[in-house]
Amino acid sequence: MYDKFFAYLNDLDGSFCKLGDLLQEKLAALDAFEPDKLDDIIKEEQAYVLKSKGFENSIQTYREKLGLKGETLSEVIAELPPEEIQRFSDVFKRLTASLDLVKQLNDKCQNLTEARLHAIGKVIKEIDGTAGTSYGEKKTSDDAPKLMNKSI
């Protein structure tokens, strides 16, 4: 059972490493403003996110099967037999580093996306004088320029 648990964690780390690579590509696509490439990347990214969704439940299952009481992964690893602790600690360190990288890259992608949306909003506002000052906001008809003079 220890080998299966280790293989699961190792596989999960590999997935997060691949997700990190994918987020690097996403960042480059956002920077280069390549919407088609970005669409493909986002679809692939969703597969990795779905794969990691059951992480807590999987840890819970392994914890129960191994008769361990720890709540967090680090607590579970601390309860393992001494001969297993080192290899699980190594994969835990890699997994933590991979997760940290994914979080950092995801934050960068989020910030760049928001900057792009803001820039697009400004361009739309400049092109279309009827566009509001923020997304989805429209000027009222009273704000429209007066093209005809009613007095003769």
Protein backbone atom coordinates (compact mmCIF):
# COMPACT_ATOMS: atom_id res chain seq x y z
CA MET A 1 0.00 0.00 0.00
CA TYR A 2 2.93 2.34 0.69
CA ASP A 3 4.13 1.90 -2.88
CA LYS A 4 0.68 2.81 -4.26
CA PHE A 5 0.49 5.87 -2.02
CA PHE A 6 4.00 6.93 -3.06
CA ALA A 7 3.16 6.37 -6.73
CA TYR A 8 0.04 8.51 -6.36
CA LEU A 9 2.00 11.38 -4.80
CA ASN A 10 4.77 11.05 -7.38
CA ASP A 11 2.21 11.08 -10.21
CA LEU A 12 0.52 14.11 -8.69
CA ASP A 13 3.86 15.92 -8.51
CA GLY A 14 4.45 15.10 -12.18
CA SER A 15 1.05 16.53 -13.04
CA PHE A 16 1.79 19.74 -11.17
CA CYS A 17 5.17 20.01 -12.93
CA LYS A 18 3.39 19.67 -16.29
CA LEU A 19 0.80 22.20 -15.15
CA GLY A 20 3.64 24.58 -14.29
CA ASP A 21 5.04 24.18 -17.81
CA LEU A 22 1.57 24.77 -19.23
CA LEU A 23 1.17 27.92 -17.14
CA GLN A 24 4.51 29.16 -18.52
CA GLU A 25 3.05 28.68 -22.01
CA LYS A 26 -0.15 30.43 -20.92
CA LEU A 27 1.85 33.37 -19.63
CA ALA A 28 3.71 33.60 -22.96
CA ALA A 29 0.43 33.36 -24.91
CA LEU A 30 -1.10 36.10 -22.77
CA ASP A 31 1.98 38.26 -23.23
CA ALA A 32 1.98 37.73 -27.01
CA PHE A 33 -1.83 38.11 -27.12
CA GLU A 34 -2.43 34.82 -28.93
CA PRO A 35 -6.10 34.00 -28.18
CA ASP A 36 -6.24 30.76 -30.19
CA LYS A 37 -3.19 29.32 -28.47
CA LEU A 38 -4.53 30.55 -25.14
CA ASP A 39 -7.82 28.73 -25.73
CA ASP A 40 -5.99 25.44 -26.35
CA ILE A 41 -3.86 25.93 -23.25
CA ILE A 42 -6.87 26.65 -21.06
CA LYS A 43 -8.58 23.46 -22.22
CA GLU A 44 -5.49 21.43 -21.36
CA GLU A 45 -5.13 23.26 -18.05
CA GLN A 46 -8.67 22.24 -17.07
CA ALA A 47 -7.72 18.57 -17.38
CA TYR A 48 -4.92 19.02 -14.82
CA VAL A 49 -7.16 20.98 -12.49
CA LEU A 50 -9.80 18.24 -12.61
CA LYS A 51 -7.16 15.61 -11.91
CA SER A 52 -6.08 17.41 -8.74
CA LYS A 53 -9.64 18.00 -7.48
CA GLY A 54 -9.79 14.72 -5.54
CA PHE A 55 -6.44 15.26 -3.81
CA GLU A 56 -7.83 15.61 -0.27
CA ASN A 57 -10.18 12.65 -0.70
CA SER A 58 -7.36 10.49 -2.04
CA ILE A 59 -5.11 11.40 0.90
CA GLN A 60 -8.02 10.58 3.23
CA THR A 61 -8.46 7.17 1.57
CA TYR A 62 -4.76 6.29 1.83
CA ARG A 63 -4.68 7.56 5.39
CA GLU A 64 -7.58 5.28 6.35
CA LYS A 65 -6.18 2.25 4.52
CA LEU A 66 -2.83 2.70 6.25
CA GLY A 67 -4.42 3.32 9.65
CA LEU A 68 -2.88 6.77 10.06
CA LYS A 69 -4.38 9.66 12.02
CA GLY A 70 -2.63 12.75 10.64
CA GLU A 71 -4.85 15.42 9.12
CA THR A 72 -2.36 17.04 6.78
CA LEU A 73 -0.06 15.27 4.35
CA SER A 74 3.00 16.24 6.38
CA GLU A 75 1.38 14.78 9.52
CA VAL A 76 0.53 11.58 7.65
CA ILE A 77 4.12 11.26 6.43
CA ALA A 78 5.43 11.75 9.97
CA GLU A 79 3.40 8.71 11.07
CA LEU A 80 4.84 6.39 8.42
CA PRO A 81 7.34 3.69 9.36
CA PRO A 82 10.92 5.03 9.59
CA GLU A 83 12.03 3.22 6.44
CA GLU A 84 9.29 5.01 4.43
CA ILE A 85 9.62 8.53 5.80
CA GLN A 86 12.59 9.63 3.68
CA ARG A 87 11.16 8.79 0.28
CA PHE A 88 7.77 10.28 1.20
CA SER A 89 9.47 13.39 2.58
CA ASP A 90 11.35 13.79 -0.70
CA VAL A 91 8.20 13.55 -2.80
CA PHE A 92 6.42 15.90 -0.37
CA LYS A 93 9.17 18.52 -0.84
CA ARG A 94 8.93 18.21 -4.62
CA LEU A 95 5.15 18.38 -4.50
CA THR A 96 5.26 21.48 -2.29
CA ALA A 97 7.74 23.18 -4.63
CA SER A 98 5.61 22.29 -7.66
CA LEU A 99 2.49 23.66 -5.99
CA ASP A 100 4.27 26.88 -5.04
CA LEU A 101 5.43 27.36 -8.62
CA VAL A 102 1.91 26.70 -9.95
CA LYS A 103 0.48 29.28 -7.53
CA GLN A 104 3.06 31.88 -8.54
CA LEU A 105 2.52 31.31 -12.25
CA ASN A 106 -1.25 31.30 -11.82
CA ASP A 107 -1.05 34.67 -10.02
CA LYS A 108 1.11 36.09 -12.83
CA CYS A 109 -1.38 34.83 -15.43
CA GLN A 110 -4.26 36.33 -13.47
CA ASN A 111 -2.53 39.70 -13.19
CA LEU A 112 -1.63 39.76 -16.88
CA THR A 113 -5.19 38.75 -17.83
CA GLU A 114 -6.60 41.60 -15.75
CA ALA A 115 -4.13 44.04 -17.32
CA ARG A 116 -5.11 42.84 -20.82
CA LEU A 117 -8.83 43.19 -20.05
CA HIS A 118 -8.26 46.68 -18.71
CA ALA A 119 -6.30 47.65 -21.84
CA ILE A 120 -9.00 46.20 -24.09
CA GLY A 121 -11.64 48.13 -22.15
CA LYS A 122 -9.71 51.36 -22.64
CA VAL A 123 -9.38 50.75 -26.39
CA ILE A 124 -13.10 49.99 -26.70
CA LYS A 125 -13.90 53.17 -24.82
CA GLU A 126 -11.68 55.19 -27.16
CA ILE A 127 -13.17 53.61 -30.28
CA ASP A 128 -16.79 53.66 -29.19
CA GLY A 129 -17.72 56.93 -27.54
CA THR A 130 -20.93 55.34 -26.21
CA ALA A 131 -19.02 52.79 -24.15
CA GLY A 132 -19.17 53.30 -20.41
CA THR A 133 -16.28 53.87 -18.07
CA SER A 134 -16.23 50.29 -16.91
CA TYR A 135 -17.16 46.90 -18.31
CA GLY A 136 -20.85 46.62 -19.08
CA GLU A 137 -21.65 50.22 -18.14
CA LYS A 138 -23.30 52.33 -20.84
CA LYS A 139 -23.67 56.07 -21.04
CA THR A 140 -27.22 57.39 -20.83
CA SER A 141 -28.85 59.14 -23.74
CA ASP A 142 -28.40 62.47 -21.93
CA ASP A 143 -24.65 61.97 -22.19
CA ALA A 144 -24.76 61.49 -25.97
CA PRO A 145 -23.27 64.30 -28.01
CA LYS A 146 -25.77 66.81 -29.38
CA LEU A 147 -25.55 66.64 -33.14
CA MET A 148 -28.50 68.83 -34.01
CA ASN A 149 -29.42 72.19 -32.65
CA LYS A 150 -33.15 72.48 -31.93
CA SER A 151 -33.26 76.24 -32.25
CA ILE A 152 -33.63 77.64 -35.75
